[in-house]
N, C-alpha and C. Protein backbone atom coordinates (compact mmCIF):
# COMPACT_ATOMS: atom_id res chain seq x y z
N MET A 1 44.91 64.26 20.11
CA MET A 1 46.08 65.25 20.19
C MET A 1 45.46 66.66 20.02
N GLU A 2 46.33 67.50 20.98
CA GLU A 2 45.96 68.87 20.72
C GLU A 2 46.30 69.35 19.42
N ASP A 3 45.72 70.42 18.94
CA ASP A 3 46.09 71.05 17.55
C ASP A 3 47.42 71.62 17.48
N TYR A 4 48.30 71.18 17.42
CA TYR A 4 49.81 71.84 17.35
C TYR A 4 50.19 72.05 16.00
N VAL A 5 50.79 73.33 15.83
CA VAL A 5 51.28 73.65 14.70
C VAL A 5 52.51 73.27 14.35
N ALA A 6 53.18 72.78 15.35
CA ALA A 6 54.81 72.59 15.55
C ALA A 6 54.85 71.03 14.92
N PRO A 7 56.01 70.63 14.57
CA PRO A 7 56.14 69.21 14.21
C PRO A 7 56.57 68.26 15.24
N VAL A 8 55.34 68.18 16.03
CA VAL A 8 55.52 67.41 17.42
C VAL A 8 55.21 65.69 17.25
N ALA A 9 56.24 65.16 17.73
CA ALA A 9 55.56 63.62 18.06
C ALA A 9 55.84 63.47 19.66
N ARG A 10 54.83 63.01 20.20
CA ARG A 10 54.87 62.96 21.57
C ARG A 10 54.60 61.29 22.05
N LEU A 11 55.55 60.73 22.87
CA LEU A 11 55.13 59.38 23.52
C LEU A 11 54.32 59.49 24.59
N VAL A 12 53.27 58.83 24.51
CA VAL A 12 51.85 59.06 25.44
C VAL A 12 52.25 58.15 26.77
N PRO A 13 52.83 57.44 27.01
CA PRO A 13 52.82 56.81 28.04
C PRO A 13 53.99 57.20 29.04
N ASP A 14 53.99 57.44 30.34
CA ASP A 14 54.67 57.69 31.08
C ASP A 14 54.67 56.95 32.46
N ALA A 15 55.53 57.27 33.34
CA ALA A 15 55.44 56.66 34.82
C ALA A 15 54.04 56.70 35.36
N LEU A 16 53.32 57.78 35.24
CA LEU A 16 52.06 57.85 35.79
C LEU A 16 50.80 57.40 34.99
N ASN A 17 51.03 57.60 33.68
CA ASN A 17 49.97 57.15 32.75
C ASN A 17 50.33 55.90 31.90
N ARG A 18 50.18 54.72 32.29
CA ARG A 18 50.68 53.81 31.47
C ARG A 18 49.97 53.00 30.61
N ASN A 19 49.33 54.02 29.45
CA ASN A 19 48.31 53.74 28.54
C ASN A 19 48.75 52.67 27.70
N PRO A 20 48.24 51.36 27.99
CA PRO A 20 48.39 50.42 26.81
C PRO A 20 48.18 50.39 25.57
N HIS A 21 47.18 51.36 25.24
CA HIS A 21 46.41 51.34 23.97
C HIS A 21 47.29 52.47 23.01
N THR A 22 47.75 53.37 23.21
CA THR A 22 48.57 54.30 22.30
C THR A 22 49.59 54.45 22.91
N TRP A 23 50.79 54.40 22.04
CA TRP A 23 52.08 54.65 22.16
C TRP A 23 52.70 56.10 21.70
N TRP A 24 52.04 56.46 20.65
CA TRP A 24 52.49 58.08 20.01
C TRP A 24 51.50 58.61 19.68
N GLU A 25 51.62 60.05 19.76
CA GLU A 25 50.86 61.04 18.96
C GLU A 25 51.83 61.87 18.28
N PHE A 26 51.04 62.02 16.91
CA PHE A 26 51.71 62.96 16.03
C PHE A 26 50.76 64.02 15.67
N ALA A 27 51.47 65.17 15.43
CA ALA A 27 50.62 66.32 14.76
C ALA A 27 50.77 66.29 13.24
N PRO A 28 49.99 66.98 12.48
CA PRO A 28 50.03 66.72 11.09
C PRO A 28 51.34 67.19 10.70
N LYS A 29 51.89 68.29 11.30
CA LYS A 29 52.98 69.05 10.81
C LYS A 29 54.33 68.37 10.74
N PHE A 30 54.21 67.13 11.66
CA PHE A 30 55.30 66.22 11.82
C PHE A 30 55.50 65.37 10.67
N PHE A 31 54.36 64.98 10.28
CA PHE A 31 54.27 64.07 8.73
C PHE A 31 54.42 65.32 7.57
N GLU A 32 54.00 66.15 7.65
CA GLU A 32 54.28 67.10 6.36
C GLU A 32 55.86 67.29 6.19
N ASN A 33 56.52 67.76 7.26
CA ASN A 33 57.82 67.74 7.22
C ASN A 33 58.65 66.46 6.87
N ALA A 34 57.93 65.50 7.32
CA ALA A 34 58.93 64.18 6.66
C ALA A 34 58.60 63.98 5.53
N LEU A 35 57.33 63.98 4.92
CA LEU A 35 56.89 64.00 3.31
C LEU A 35 57.90 64.98 2.60
N GLY A 36 57.99 66.23 3.10
CA GLY A 36 58.50 67.10 2.33
C GLY A 36 60.40 66.89 2.17
N VAL A 37 60.66 65.95 3.18
CA VAL A 37 62.13 65.44 3.06
C VAL A 37 62.35 64.67 1.82
N MET A 38 61.05 64.09 1.62
CA MET A 38 61.26 62.78 0.60
C MET A 38 60.52 63.38 -0.71
N GLY A 39 60.42 64.73 -0.85
CA GLY A 39 60.16 65.24 -2.11
C GLY A 39 58.75 65.50 -2.49
N PHE A 40 57.70 65.24 -1.10
CA PHE A 40 56.46 65.25 -1.44
C PHE A 40 55.93 66.69 -0.90
N ARG A 41 54.74 66.87 -1.38
CA ARG A 41 53.94 68.11 -1.03
C ARG A 41 52.66 67.91 -0.58
N VAL A 42 52.32 68.32 0.70
CA VAL A 42 50.93 67.92 1.33
C VAL A 42 50.06 68.85 0.43
N THR A 43 48.91 68.55 -0.28
CA THR A 43 47.76 69.22 -0.90
C THR A 43 46.40 69.23 -0.07
N GLY A 44 46.42 68.17 1.16
CA GLY A 44 45.05 68.10 1.75
C GLY A 44 45.34 67.81 3.44
N LEU A 45 44.62 68.36 4.06
CA LEU A 45 44.39 67.70 5.74
C LEU A 45 43.17 67.54 5.94
N HIS A 46 42.59 66.37 6.18
CA HIS A 46 41.31 66.05 6.57
C HIS A 46 41.05 65.66 8.03
N ARG A 47 40.42 66.24 8.66
CA ARG A 47 40.15 65.93 10.27
C ARG A 47 38.87 65.36 10.09
N PHE A 48 38.56 64.50 10.90
CA PHE A 48 37.36 63.76 11.25
C PHE A 48 37.43 62.91 12.46
N ASP A 49 36.35 62.48 12.77
CA ASP A 49 36.22 61.66 14.22
C ASP A 49 35.99 60.28 13.94
N GLY A 50 37.08 59.49 14.39
CA GLY A 50 36.67 58.09 14.24
C GLY A 50 36.49 57.51 15.46
N LEU A 51 36.13 56.27 15.47
CA LEU A 51 35.48 55.78 16.89
C LEU A 51 36.17 55.15 17.67
N TYR A 52 36.26 55.33 18.87
CA TYR A 52 37.15 54.23 19.75
C TYR A 52 36.53 53.40 20.30
N ASN A 53 36.70 52.33 20.34
CA ASN A 53 35.99 51.04 20.73
C ASN A 53 34.55 51.04 20.15
N GLY A 54 34.38 51.40 18.82
CA GLY A 54 33.19 51.44 18.02
C GLY A 54 32.02 52.20 18.89
N THR A 55 32.43 53.24 19.68
CA THR A 55 31.53 54.06 20.04
C THR A 55 32.04 55.53 20.36
N SER A 56 32.88 55.79 21.05
CA SER A 56 33.59 56.89 21.52
C SER A 56 34.06 57.78 20.32
N PRO A 57 33.87 58.98 19.86
CA PRO A 57 34.41 59.62 18.88
C PRO A 57 35.77 60.06 19.54
N TYR A 58 36.74 60.01 18.26
CA TYR A 58 38.23 60.21 18.81
C TYR A 58 38.68 61.18 17.72
N PRO A 59 39.27 62.43 17.72
CA PRO A 59 39.68 63.20 16.62
C PRO A 59 41.03 62.42 16.02
N MET A 60 40.62 62.47 14.66
CA MET A 60 41.84 61.91 13.76
C MET A 60 41.93 62.81 12.53
N TYR A 61 42.98 62.50 11.64
CA TYR A 61 43.38 63.04 10.24
C TYR A 61 43.98 62.17 9.63
N SER A 62 43.97 62.69 8.32
CA SER A 62 44.78 62.17 7.04
C SER A 62 45.28 63.06 6.21
N LEU A 63 46.29 62.86 5.64
CA LEU A 63 47.01 63.80 4.87
C LEU A 63 47.27 63.30 3.45
N VAL A 64 46.88 64.42 2.44
CA VAL A 64 46.94 63.83 0.99
C VAL A 64 48.34 64.65 0.49
N ALA A 65 49.20 64.00 -0.40
CA ALA A 65 50.39 64.37 -0.64
C ALA A 65 50.83 64.00 -2.22
N ASP A 66 51.11 64.76 -2.88
CA ASP A 66 51.81 64.57 -4.37
C ASP A 66 53.26 64.51 -4.36
N ARG A 67 53.60 63.87 -5.41
CA ARG A 67 55.24 63.96 -5.73
C ARG A 67 55.29 64.14 -7.25
N HIS A 68 56.08 65.26 -7.62
CA HIS A 68 56.11 65.20 -9.07
C HIS A 68 57.85 64.94 -9.45
N ALA A 69 58.17 64.13 -10.39
CA ALA A 69 59.26 63.75 -10.77
C ALA A 69 60.03 65.07 -11.01
N PRO A 70 61.46 65.07 -10.63
CA PRO A 70 62.17 66.36 -11.17
C PRO A 70 62.47 66.49 -12.34
């Protein structure tokens, strides 16, 4: 996914691209906002290349969040 700074969720397949392998792409900010609604604070964003079909690098990320009771 492109490096969005907005909280974007994108439906990947369309009439021209009927990609059966990926349905959604989510920008990290989407999950940061969703976690914030539930009282979590994102403390880390880690980007890395995963392997698609075991051989092709594919950009991925993981978020680390914490929540303190009020």
